[in-house]
Amino acid sequence: MKQVTGTFLNPLGDPAAGATVNFVLSTPENTSYGTVVRERVQVVLDVNGSFSIELYGNDEFQTAGSFYNITLVDPVYGRILYENVAIVGESPINLNGLVPIFVK
């Protein structure tokens, strides 16, 4: 598993405190530890608009090609982020530095 962090701002440029980040794995995947079910992992941003969680990295799965769909929902402004990313590389991984994946 990898430590994944990030910090987000709301549309006014203030920390998106209290916003919810949802991570949904694109397909069920296998690791050497067993099957990872396609699940929704949810985290609420702190007062600084930041989070830190542990997730399986896409480079830890036995097959290639999966990604996480990431949605950020602010309690005032609604959905302010919707993108697909592959969580790969050395932990910790800053979500803000990942390049979104275009999915057909």
PDB file of N, CA and C in Angstrom:
ATOM      1  N   MET A   1       0.845  -1.173   0.000  1.00  0.00           N
ATOM      2  CA  MET A   1       0.000   0.000   0.000  1.00  0.00           C
ATOM      3  C   MET A   1       0.892   1.239   0.000  1.00  0.00           C
ATOM      4  N   LYS A   2       0.314   2.327  -0.455  1.00  0.00           N
ATOM      5  CA  LYS A   2       1.059   3.576  -0.574  1.00  0.00           C
ATOM      6  C   LYS A   2       0.352   4.681   0.199  1.00  0.00           C
ATOM      7  N   GLN A   3       1.152   5.576   0.742  1.00  0.00           N
ATOM      8  CA  GLN A   3       0.613   6.762   1.392  1.00  0.00           C
ATOM      9  C   GLN A   3       0.309   7.773   0.288  1.00  0.00           C
ATOM     10  N   VAL A   4      -0.939   8.241   0.243  1.00  0.00           N
ATOM     11  CA  VAL A   4      -1.377   9.206  -0.771  1.00  0.00           C
ATOM     12  C   VAL A   4      -1.839  10.461  -0.040  1.00  0.00           C
ATOM     13  N   THR A   5      -1.321  11.611  -0.482  1.00  0.00           N
ATOM     14  CA  THR A   5      -1.664  12.883   0.143  1.00  0.00           C
ATOM     15  C   THR A   5      -2.169  13.857  -0.915  1.00  0.00           C
ATOM     16  N   GLY A   6      -2.745  14.944  -0.466  1.00  0.00           N
ATOM     17  CA  GLY A   6      -3.185  15.994  -1.382  1.00  0.00           C
ATOM     18  C   GLY A   6      -3.759  17.166  -0.627  1.00  0.00           C
ATOM     19  N   THR A   7      -3.807  18.294  -1.295  1.00  0.00           N
ATOM     20  CA  THR A   7      -4.389  19.517  -0.738  1.00  0.00           C
ATOM     21  C   THR A   7      -5.200  20.183  -1.838  1.00  0.00           C
ATOM     22  N   PHE A   8      -6.399  20.630  -1.488  1.00  0.00           N
ATOM     23  CA  PHE A   8      -7.290  21.210  -2.486  1.00  0.00           C
ATOM     24  C   PHE A   8      -7.858  22.535  -2.012  1.00  0.00           C
ATOM     25  N   LEU A   9      -8.141  23.386  -2.986  1.00  0.00           N
ATOM     26  CA  LEU A   9      -8.772  24.683  -2.737  1.00  0.00           C
ATOM     27  C   LEU A   9     -10.162  24.680  -3.337  1.00  0.00           C
ATOM     28  N   ASN A  10     -11.040  25.506  -2.773  1.00  0.00           N
ATOM     29  CA  ASN A  10     -12.372  25.661  -3.362  1.00  0.00           C
ATOM     30  C   ASN A  10     -12.291  26.695  -4.485  1.00  0.00           C
ATOM     31  N   PRO A  11     -13.372  26.939  -5.210  1.00  0.00           N
ATOM     32  CA  PRO A  11     -13.332  27.887  -6.328  1.00  0.00           C
ATOM     33  C   PRO A  11     -12.921  29.316  -5.954  1.00  0.00           C
ATOM     34  N   LEU A  12     -13.026  29.677  -4.673  1.00  0.00           N
ATOM     35  CA  LEU A  12     -12.611  31.014  -4.244  1.00  0.00           C
ATOM     36  C   LEU A  12     -11.127  31.067  -3.883  1.00  0.00           C
ATOM     37  N   GLY A  13     -10.447  29.905  -3.928  1.00  0.00           N
ATOM     38  CA  GLY A  13      -9.039  29.859  -3.599  1.00  0.00           C
ATOM     39  C   GLY A  13      -8.739  29.603  -2.136  1.00  0.00           C
ATOM     40  N   ASP A  14      -9.772  29.316  -1.361  1.00  0.00           N
ATOM     41  CA  ASP A  14      -9.601  28.990   0.058  1.00  0.00           C
ATOM     42  C   ASP A  14      -9.468  27.477   0.209  1.00  0.00           C
ATOM     43  N   PRO A  15      -8.873  26.991   1.327  1.00  0.00           N
ATOM     44  CA  PRO A  15      -8.805  25.542   1.547  1.00  0.00           C
ATOM     45  C   PRO A  15     -10.201  24.922   1.485  1.00  0.00           C
ATOM     46  N   ALA A  16     -10.299  23.784   0.824  1.00  0.00           N
ATOM     47  CA  ALA A  16     -11.591  23.104   0.663  1.00  0.00           C
ATOM     48  C   ALA A  16     -11.887  22.250   1.893  1.00  0.00           C
ATOM     49  N   ALA A  17     -11.812  22.871   3.068  1.00  0.00           N
ATOM     50  CA  ALA A  17     -12.053  22.171   4.334  1.00  0.00           C
ATOM     51  C   ALA A  17     -13.439  21.548   4.344  1.00  0.00           C
ATOM     52  N   GLY A  18     -13.522  20.298   4.769  1.00  0.00           N
ATOM     53  CA  GLY A  18     -14.801  19.606   4.852  1.00  0.00           C
ATOM     54  C   GLY A  18     -15.252  18.976   3.553  1.00  0.00           C
ATOM     55  N   ALA A  19     -14.537  19.222   2.463  1.00  0.00           N
ATOM     56  CA  ALA A  19     -14.879  18.577   1.187  1.00  0.00           C
ATOM     57  C   ALA A  19     -14.532  17.091   1.279  1.00  0.00           C
ATOM     58  N   THR A  20     -15.172  16.294   0.446  1.00  0.00           N
ATOM     59  CA  THR A  20     -14.978  14.847   0.444  1.00  0.00           C
ATOM     60  C   THR A  20     -14.286  14.416  -0.841  1.00  0.00           C
ATOM     61  N   VAL A  21     -13.230  13.610  -0.696  1.00  0.00           N
ATOM     62  CA  VAL A  21     -12.544  13.032  -1.846  1.00  0.00           C
ATOM     63  C   VAL A  21     -12.922  11.556  -1.911  1.00  0.00           C
ATOM     64  N   ASN A  22     -13.423  11.136  -3.080  1.00  0.00           N
ATOM     65  CA  ASN A  22     -13.796   9.741  -3.306  1.00  0.00           C
ATOM     66  C   ASN A  22     -12.835   9.120  -4.303  1.00  0.00           C
ATOM     67  N   PHE A  23     -12.341   7.932  -3.984  1.00  0.00           N
ATOM     68  CA  PHE A  23     -11.465   7.160  -4.856  1.00  0.00           C
ATOM     69  C   PHE A  23     -12.205   5.884  -5.241  1.00  0.00           C
ATOM     70  N   VAL A  24     -12.380   5.636  -6.543  1.00  0.00           N
ATOM     71  CA  VAL A  24     -13.028   4.406  -6.997  1.00  0.00           C
ATOM     72  C   VAL A  24     -12.090   3.723  -7.988  1.00  0.00           C
ATOM     73  N   LEU A  25     -11.700   2.495  -7.683  1.00  0.00           N
ATOM     74  CA  LEU A  25     -10.833   1.726  -8.558  1.00  0.00           C
ATOM     75  C   LEU A  25     -11.611   1.336  -9.809  1.00  0.00           C
ATOM     76  N   SER A  26     -10.984   1.495 -10.980  1.00  0.00           N
ATOM     77  CA  SER A  26     -11.691   1.290 -12.255  1.00  0.00           C
ATOM     78  C   SER A  26     -12.141  -0.146 -12.485  1.00  0.00           C
ATOM     79  N   THR A  27     -11.369  -1.111 -12.037  1.00  0.00           N
ATOM     80  CA  THR A  27     -11.723  -2.525 -12.209  1.00  0.00           C
ATOM     81  C   THR A  27     -11.235  -3.301 -10.990  1.00  0.00           C
ATOM     82  N   PRO A  28     -11.879  -4.415 -10.677  1.00  0.00           N
ATOM     83  CA  PRO A  28     -11.333  -5.261  -9.611  1.00  0.00           C
ATOM     84  C   PRO A  28      -9.933  -5.721 -10.005  1.00  0.00           C
ATOM     85  N   GLU A  29      -9.024  -5.728  -9.069  1.00  0.00           N
ATOM     86  CA  GLU A  29      -7.633  -6.085  -9.355  1.00  0.00           C
ATOM     87  C   GLU A  29      -7.121  -7.091  -8.341  1.00  0.00           C
ATOM     88  N   ASN A  30      -6.117  -7.852  -8.734  1.00  0.00           N
ATOM     89  CA  ASN A  30      -5.460  -8.808  -7.848  1.00  0.00           C
ATOM     90  C   ASN A  30      -4.089  -8.302  -7.450  1.00  0.00           C
ATOM     91  N   THR A  31      -3.750  -8.536  -6.192  1.00  0.00           N
ATOM     92  CA  THR A  31      -2.398  -8.281  -5.706  1.00  0.00           C
ATOM     93  C   THR A  31      -1.852  -9.614  -5.204  1.00  0.00           C
ATOM     94  N   SER A  32      -0.628  -9.620  -4.796  1.00  0.00           N
ATOM     95  CA  SER A  32      -0.069 -10.846  -4.239  1.00  0.00           C
ATOM     96  C   SER A  32      -0.725 -11.196  -2.901  1.00  0.00           C
ATOM     97  N   TYR A  33      -1.482 -10.254  -2.323  1.00  0.00           N
ATOM     98  CA  TYR A  33      -2.169 -10.468  -1.052  1.00  0.00           C
ATOM     99  C   TYR A  33      -3.596 -10.972  -1.226  1.00  0.00           C
ATOM    100  N   GLY A  34      -4.129 -10.955  -2.442  1.00  0.00           N
ATOM    101  CA  GLY A  34      -5.507 -11.368  -2.686  1.00  0.00           C
ATOM    102  C   GLY A  34      -6.206 -10.381  -3.601  1.00  0.00           C
ATOM    103  N   THR A  35      -7.506 -10.511  -3.734  1.00  0.00           N
ATOM    104  CA  THR A  35      -8.278  -9.661  -4.633  1.00  0.00           C
ATOM    105  C   THR A  35      -8.653  -8.352  -3.955  1.00  0.00           C
ATOM    106  N   VAL A  36      -8.474  -7.261  -4.670  1.00  0.00           N
ATOM    107  CA  VAL A  36      -8.934  -5.960  -4.208  1.00  0.00           C
ATOM    108  C   VAL A  36     -10.255  -5.701  -4.921  1.00  0.00           C
ATOM    109  N   VAL A  37     -11.305  -5.592  -4.178  1.00  0.00           N
ATOM    110  CA  VAL A  37     -12.628  -5.389  -4.752  1.00  0.00           C
ATOM    111  C   VAL A  37     -12.767  -3.943  -5.195  1.00  0.00           C
ATOM    112  N   ARG A  38     -13.509  -3.713  -6.281  1.00  0.00           N
ATOM    113  CA  ARG A  38     -13.775  -2.333  -6.707  1.00  0.00           C
ATOM    114  C   ARG A  38     -14.595  -1.672  -5.607  1.00  0.00           C
ATOM    115  N   GLU A  39     -13.945  -0.803  -4.905  1.00  0.00           N
ATOM    116  CA  GLU A  39     -14.609  -0.182  -3.769  1.00  0.00           C
ATOM    117  C   GLU A  39     -14.448   1.331  -3.805  1.00  0.00           C
ATOM    118  N   ARG A  40     -15.250   1.971  -3.022  1.00  0.00           N
ATOM    119  CA  ARG A  40     -15.182   3.420  -2.882  1.00  0.00           C
ATOM    120  C   ARG A  40     -14.492   3.726  -1.567  1.00  0.00           C
ATOM    121  N   VAL A  41     -13.395   4.451  -1.646  1.00  0.00           N
ATOM    122  CA  VAL A  41     -12.680   4.910  -0.462  1.00  0.00           C
ATOM    123  C   VAL A  41     -12.934   6.407  -0.372  1.00  0.00           C
ATOM    124  N   GLN A  42     -13.347   6.845   0.792  1.00  0.00           N
ATOM    125  CA  GLN A  42     -13.743   8.239   0.960  1.00  0.00           C
ATOM    126  C   GLN A  42     -12.955   8.858   2.108  1.00  0.00           C
ATOM    127  N   VAL A  43     -12.528  10.102   1.927  1.00  0.00           N
ATOM    128  CA  VAL A  43     -11.822  10.829   2.977  1.00  0.00           C
ATOM    129  C   VAL A  43     -12.305  12.280   2.976  1.00  0.00           C
ATOM    130  N   VAL A  44     -12.414  12.858   4.173  1.00  0.00           N
ATOM    131  CA  VAL A  44     -12.845  14.249   4.324  1.00  0.00           C
ATOM    132  C   VAL A  44     -11.603  15.107   4.556  1.00  0.00           C
ATOM    133  N   LEU A  45     -11.519  16.223   3.844  1.00  0.00           N
ATOM    134  CA  LEU A  45     -10.375  17.124   3.962  1.00  0.00           C
ATOM    135  C   LEU A  45     -10.391  17.855   5.302  1.00  0.00           C
ATOM    136  N   ASP A  46      -9.199  18.080   5.857  1.00  0.00           N
ATOM    137  CA  ASP A  46      -9.079  18.788   7.131  1.00  0.00           C
ATOM    138  C   ASP A  46      -9.232  20.300   6.929  1.00  0.00           C
ATOM    139  N   VAL A  47      -8.990  21.073   7.970  1.00  0.00           N
ATOM    140  CA  VAL A  47      -9.184  22.532   7.909  1.00  0.00           C
ATOM    141  C   VAL A  47      -8.257  23.202   6.899  1.00  0.00           C
ATOM    142  N   ASN A  48      -7.162  22.533   6.539  1.00  0.00           N
ATOM    143  CA  ASN A  48      -6.231  23.069   5.543  1.00  0.00           C
ATOM    144  C   ASN A  48      -6.548  22.587   4.127  1.00  0.00           C
ATOM    145  N   GLY A  49      -7.627  21.818   3.972  1.00  0.00           N
ATOM    146  CA  GLY A  49      -7.982  21.268   2.663  1.00  0.00           C
ATOM    147  C   GLY A  49      -7.099  20.091   2.279  1.00  0.00           C
ATOM    148  N   SER A  50      -6.513  19.418   3.268  1.00  0.00           N
ATOM    149  CA  SER A  50      -5.555  18.342   3.015  1.00  0.00           C
ATOM    150  C   SER A  50      -6.077  16.989   3.484  1.00  0.00           C
ATOM    151  N   PHE A  51      -5.459  15.923   2.964  1.00  0.00           N
ATOM    152  CA  PHE A  51      -5.761  14.565   3.403  1.00  0.00           C
ATOM    153  C   PHE A  51      -4.505  13.713   3.294  1.00  0.00           C
ATOM    154  N   SER A  52      -4.540  12.576   3.960  1.00  0.00           N
ATOM    155  CA  SER A  52      -3.491  11.565   3.866  1.00  0.00           C
ATOM    156  C   SER A  52      -4.145  10.209   4.139  1.00  0.00           C
ATOM    157  N   ILE A  53      -4.045   9.289   3.169  1.00  0.00           N
ATOM    158  CA  ILE A  53      -4.625   7.955   3.327  1.00  0.00           C
ATOM    159  C   ILE A  53      -3.673   6.916   2.723  1.00  0.00           C
ATOM    160  N   GLU A  54      -3.985   5.642   2.957  1.00  0.00           N
ATOM    161  CA  GLU A  54      -3.254   4.557   2.331  1.00  0.00           C
ATOM    162  C   GLU A  54      -4.155   3.876   1.310  1.00  0.00           C
ATOM    163  N   LEU A  55      -3.623   3.687   0.103  1.00  0.00           N
ATOM    164  CA  LEU A  55      -4.322   2.990  -0.981  1.00  0.00           C
ATOM    165  C   LEU A  55      -3.340   2.059  -1.666  1.00  0.00           C
ATOM    166  N   TYR A  56      -3.874   1.020  -2.317  1.00  0.00           N
ATOM    167  CA  TYR A  56      -3.027   0.229  -3.195  1.00  0.00           C
ATOM    168  C   TYR A  56      -2.659   1.085  -4.392  1.00  0.00           C
ATOM    169  N   GLY A  57      -1.401   1.084  -4.757  1.00  0.00           N
ATOM    170  CA  GLY A  57      -0.971   1.777  -5.965  1.00  0.00           C
ATOM    171  C   GLY A  57      -1.308   0.928  -7.177  1.00  0.00           C
ATOM    172  N   ASN A  58      -1.574   1.578  -8.291  1.00  0.00           N
ATOM    173  CA  ASN A  58      -1.896   0.834  -9.516  1.00  0.00           C
ATOM    174  C   ASN A  58      -0.714  -0.016  -9.981  1.00  0.00           C
ATOM    175  N   ASP A  59       0.495   0.360  -9.582  1.00  0.00           N
ATOM    176  CA  ASP A  59       1.667  -0.438  -9.932  1.00  0.00           C
ATOM    177  C   ASP A  59       1.880  -1.622  -8.981  1.00  0.00           C
ATOM    178  N   GLU A  60       0.982  -1.813  -8.013  1.00  0.00           N
ATOM    179  CA  GLU A  60       1.041  -2.967  -7.117  1.00  0.00           C
ATOM    180  C   GLU A  60       0.121  -4.100  -7.562  1.00  0.00           C
ATOM    181  N   PHE A  61      -0.649  -3.871  -8.609  1.00  0.00           N
ATOM    182  CA  PHE A  61      -1.580  -4.891  -9.096  1.00  0.00           C
ATOM    183  C   PHE A  61      -0.890  -5.828 -10.072  1.00  0.00           C
ATOM    184  N   GLN A  62      -1.441  -7.032 -10.217  1.00  0.00           N
ATOM    185  CA  GLN A  62      -0.829  -8.035 -11.082  1.00  0.00           C
ATOM    186  C   GLN A  62      -1.065  -7.758 -12.558  1.00  0.00           C
ATOM    187  N   THR A  63      -2.089  -6.982 -12.884  1.00  0.00           N
ATOM    188  CA  THR A  63      -2.341  -6.621 -14.287  1.00  0.00           C
ATOM    189  C   THR A  63      -2.240  -5.107 -14.436  1.00  0.00           C
ATOM    190  N   ALA A  64      -1.885  -4.669 -15.621  1.00  0.00           N
ATOM    191  CA  ALA A  64      -1.728  -3.239 -15.887  1.00  0.00           C
ATOM    192  C   ALA A  64      -3.030  -2.640 -16.412  1.00  0.00           C
ATOM    193  N   GLY A  65      -3.136  -1.331 -16.350  1.00  0.00           N
ATOM    194  CA  GLY A  65      -4.237  -0.631 -17.005  1.00  0.00           C
ATOM    195  C   GLY A  65      -5.305  -0.067 -16.098  1.00  0.00           C
ATOM    196  N   SER A  66      -5.261  -0.370 -14.805  1.00  0.00           N
ATOM    197  CA  SER A  66      -6.295   0.181 -13.927  1.00  0.00           C
ATOM    198  C   SER A  66      -5.938   1.614 -13.532  1.00  0.00           C
ATOM    199  N   PHE A  67      -6.916   2.307 -12.995  1.00  0.00           N
ATOM    200  CA  PHE A  67      -6.740   3.676 -12.513  1.00  0.00           C
ATOM    201  C   PHE A  67      -7.778   3.939 -11.438  1.00  0.00           C
ATOM    202  N   TYR A  68      -7.652   5.047 -10.777  1.00  0.00           N
ATOM    203  CA  TYR A  68      -8.657   5.486  -9.805  1.00  0.00           C
ATOM    204  C   TYR A  68      -9.427   6.659 -10.386  1.00  0.00           C
ATOM    205  N   ASN A  69     -10.745   6.618 -10.248  1.00  0.00           N
ATOM    206  CA  ASN A  69     -11.582   7.770 -10.550  1.00  0.00           C
ATOM    207  C   ASN A  69     -11.642   8.569  -9.257  1.00  0.00           C
ATOM    208  N   ILE A  70     -11.287   9.844  -9.341  1.00  0.00           N
ATOM    209  CA  ILE A  70     -11.235  10.704  -8.163  1.00  0.00           C
ATOM    210  C   ILE A  70     -12.246  11.830  -8.316  1.00  0.00           C
ATOM    211  N   THR A  71     -13.075  11.964  -7.309  1.00  0.00           N
ATOM    212  CA  THR A  71     -14.079  13.027  -7.295  1.00  0.00           C
ATOM    213  C   THR A  71     -13.928  13.811  -6.005  1.00  0.00           C
ATOM    214  N   LEU A  72     -13.890  15.131  -6.114  1.00  0.00           N
ATOM    215  CA  LEU A  72     -13.842  16.008  -4.945  1.00  0.00           C
ATOM    216  C   LEU A  72     -15.154  16.777  -4.894  1.00  0.00           C
ATOM    217  N   VAL A  73     -15.873  16.611  -3.788  1.00  0.00           N
ATOM    218  CA  VAL A  73     -17.173  17.268  -3.631  1.00  0.00           C
ATOM    219  C   VAL A  73     -17.107  18.200  -2.426  1.00  0.00           C
ATOM    220  N   ASP A  74     -17.313  19.483  -2.698  1.00  0.00           N
ATOM    221  CA  ASP A  74     -17.311  20.511  -1.657  1.00  0.00           C
ATOM    222  C   ASP A  74     -18.731  20.676  -1.129  1.00  0.00           C
ATOM    223  N   PRO A  75     -18.904  20.840   0.200  1.00  0.00           N
ATOM    224  CA  PRO A  75     -20.262  20.968   0.747  1.00  0.00           C
ATOM    225  C   PRO A  75     -21.005  22.218   0.277  1.00  0.00           C
ATOM    226  N   VAL A  76     -20.277  23.249  -0.160  1.00  0.00           N
ATOM    227  CA  VAL A  76     -20.916  24.485  -0.625  1.00  0.00           C
ATOM    228  C   VAL A  76     -20.985  24.544  -2.148  1.00  0.00           C
ATOM    229  N   TYR A  77     -19.888  24.193  -2.833  1.00  0.00           N
ATOM    230  CA  TYR A  77     -19.784  24.387  -4.278  1.00  0.00           C
ATOM    231  C   TYR A  77     -20.091  23.137  -5.100  1.00  0.00           C
ATOM    232  N   GLY A  78     -20.321  22.020  -4.447  1.00  0.00           N
ATOM    233  CA  GLY A  78     -20.605  20.784  -5.170  1.00  0.00           C
ATOM    234  C   GLY A  78     -19.330  20.155  -5.726  1.00  0.00           C
ATOM    235  N   ARG A  79     -19.481  19.419  -6.805  1.00  0.00           N
ATOM    236  CA  ARG A  79     -18.327  18.721  -7.379  1.00  0.00           C
ATOM    237  C   ARG A  79     -17.370  19.726  -8.014  1.00  0.00           C
ATOM    238  N   ILE A  80     -16.131  19.730  -7.525  1.00  0.00           N
ATOM    239  CA  ILE A  80     -15.146  20.677  -8.055  1.00  0.00           C
ATOM    240  C   ILE A  80     -13.963  19.965  -8.710  1.00  0.00           C
ATOM    241  N   LEU A  81     -13.955  18.634  -8.671  1.00  0.00           N
ATOM    242  CA  LEU A  81     -12.901  17.880  -9.348  1.00  0.00           C
ATOM    243  C   LEU A  81     -13.444  16.517  -9.729  1.00  0.00           C
ATOM    244  N   TYR A  82     -13.118  16.093 -10.947  1.00  0.00           N
ATOM    245  CA  TYR A  82     -13.490  14.768 -11.425  1.00  0.00           C
ATOM    246  C   TYR A  82     -12.431  14.365 -12.436  1.00  0.00           C
ATOM    247  N   GLU A  83     -11.574  13.405 -12.061  1.00  0.00           N
ATOM    248  CA  GLU A  83     -10.540  12.974 -12.991  1.00  0.00           C
ATOM    249  C   GLU A  83     -10.117  11.547 -12.679  1.00  0.00           C
ATOM    250  N   ASN A  84      -9.396  10.967 -13.621  1.00  0.00           N
ATOM    251  CA  ASN A  84      -8.865   9.618 -13.480  1.00  0.00           C
ATOM    252  C   ASN A  84      -7.357   9.721 -13.383  1.00  0.00           C
ATOM    253  N   VAL A  85      -6.777   9.015 -12.408  1.00  0.00           N
ATOM    254  CA  VAL A  85      -5.328   9.015 -12.248  1.00  0.00           C
ATOM    255  C   VAL A  85      -4.846   7.614 -11.915  1.00  0.00           C
ATOM    256  N   ALA A  86      -3.610   7.320 -12.313  1.00  0.00           N
ATOM    257  CA  ALA A  86      -2.932   6.099 -11.895  1.00  0.00           C
ATOM    258  C   ALA A  86      -2.016   6.480 -10.743  1.00  0.00           C
ATOM    259  N   ILE A  87      -2.180   5.809  -9.637  1.00  0.00           N
ATOM    260  CA  ILE A  87      -1.355   6.062  -8.469  1.00  0.00           C
ATOM    261  C   ILE A  87      -0.160   5.115  -8.557  1.00  0.00           C
ATOM    262  N   VAL A  88       0.978   5.665  -8.983  1.00  0.00           N
ATOM    263  CA  VAL A  88       2.183   4.870  -9.213  1.00  0.00           C
ATOM    264  C   VAL A  88       3.404   5.601  -8.655  1.00  0.00           C
ATOM    265  N   GLY A  89       4.423   4.845  -8.324  1.00  0.00           N
ATOM    266  CA  GLY A  89       5.673   5.438  -7.875  1.00  0.00           C
ATOM    267  C   GLY A  89       5.937   5.189  -6.408  1.00  0.00           C
ATOM    268  N   GLU A  90       6.981   5.853  -5.934  1.00  0.00           N
ATOM    269  CA  GLU A  90       7.400   5.705  -4.544  1.00  0.00           C
ATOM    270  C   GLU A  90       6.448   6.441  -3.611  1.00  0.00           C
ATOM    271  N   SER A  91       6.148   5.822  -2.492  1.00  0.00           N
ATOM    272  CA  SER A  91       5.310   6.413  -1.463  1.00  0.00           C
ATOM    273  C   SER A  91       6.169   7.335  -0.600  1.00  0.00           C
ATOM    274  N   PRO A  92       5.653   8.467  -0.140  1.00  0.00           N
ATOM    275  CA  PRO A  92       4.300   8.987  -0.321  1.00  0.00           C
ATOM    276  C   PRO A  92       4.108   9.610  -1.703  1.00  0.00           C
ATOM    277  N   ILE A  93       2.877   9.577  -2.161  1.00  0.00           N
ATOM    278  CA  ILE A  93       2.522  10.119  -3.473  1.00  0.00           C
ATOM    279  C   ILE A  93       1.585  11.304  -3.264  1.00  0.00           C
ATOM    280  N   ASN A  94       1.963  12.451  -3.811  1.00  0.00           N
ATOM    281  CA  ASN A  94       1.120  13.636  -3.722  1.00  0.00           C
ATOM    282  C   ASN A  94       0.176  13.633  -4.920  1.00  0.00           C
ATOM    283  N   LEU A  95      -1.104  13.513  -4.652  1.00  0.00           N
ATOM    284  CA  LEU A  95      -2.124  13.466  -5.699  1.00  0.00           C
ATOM    285  C   LEU A  95      -2.075  14.706  -6.587  1.00  0.00           C
ATOM    286  N   ASN A  96      -1.694  15.844  -6.015  1.00  0.00           N
ATOM    287  CA  ASN A  96      -1.647  17.082  -6.780  1.00  0.00           C
ATOM    288  C   ASN A  96      -0.604  17.049  -7.895  1.00  0.00           C
ATOM    289  N   GLY A  97       0.373  16.161  -7.804  1.00  0.00           N
ATOM    290  CA  GLY A  97       1.417  16.072  -8.812  1.00  0.00           C
ATOM    291  C   GLY A  97       1.162  15.048  -9.898  1.00  0.00           C
ATOM    292  N   LEU A  98       0.057  14.310  -9.809  1.00  0.00           N
ATOM    293  CA  LEU A  98      -0.239  13.288 -10.804  1.00  0.00           C
ATOM    294  C   LEU A  98      -0.953  13.875 -12.009  1.00  0.00           C
ATOM    295  N   VAL A  99      -0.648  13.355 -13.176  1.00  0.00           N
ATOM    296  CA  VAL A  99      -1.270  13.813 -14.423  1.00  0.00           C
ATOM    297  C   VAL A  99      -2.519  12.978 -14.679  1.00  0.00           C
ATOM    298  N   PRO A 100      -3.666  13.624 -14.926  1.00  0.00           N
ATOM    299  CA  PRO A 100      -4.895  12.874 -15.215  1.00  0.00           C
ATOM    300  C   PRO A 100      -4.754  11.995 -16.462  1.00  0.00           C
ATOM    301  N   ILE A 101      -5.499  10.903 -16.464  1.00  0.00           N
ATOM    302  CA  ILE A 101      -5.520   9.958 -17.574  1.00  0.00           C
ATOM    303  C   ILE A 101      -6.784  10.212 -18.392  1.00  0.00           C
ATOM    304  N   PHE A 102      -6.637  10.267 -19.708  1.00  0.00           N
ATOM    305  CA  PHE A 102      -7.802  10.372 -20.582  1.00  0.00           C
ATOM    306  C   PHE A 102      -8.340   8.964 -20.818  1.00  0.00           C
ATOM    307  N   VAL A 103      -9.621   8.748 -20.547  1.00  0.00           N
ATOM    308  CA  VAL A 103     -10.239   7.443 -20.729  1.00  0.00           C
ATOM    309  C   VAL A 103     -11.313   7.568 -21.802  1.00  0.00           C
ATOM    310  N   LYS A 104     -11.239   6.700 -22.815  1.00  0.00           N
ATOM    311  CA  LYS A 104     -12.233   6.739 -23.902  1.00  0.00           C
ATOM    312  C   LYS A 104     -13.537   6.185 -23.463  1.00  0.00           C
TER     313      LYS A 104
END
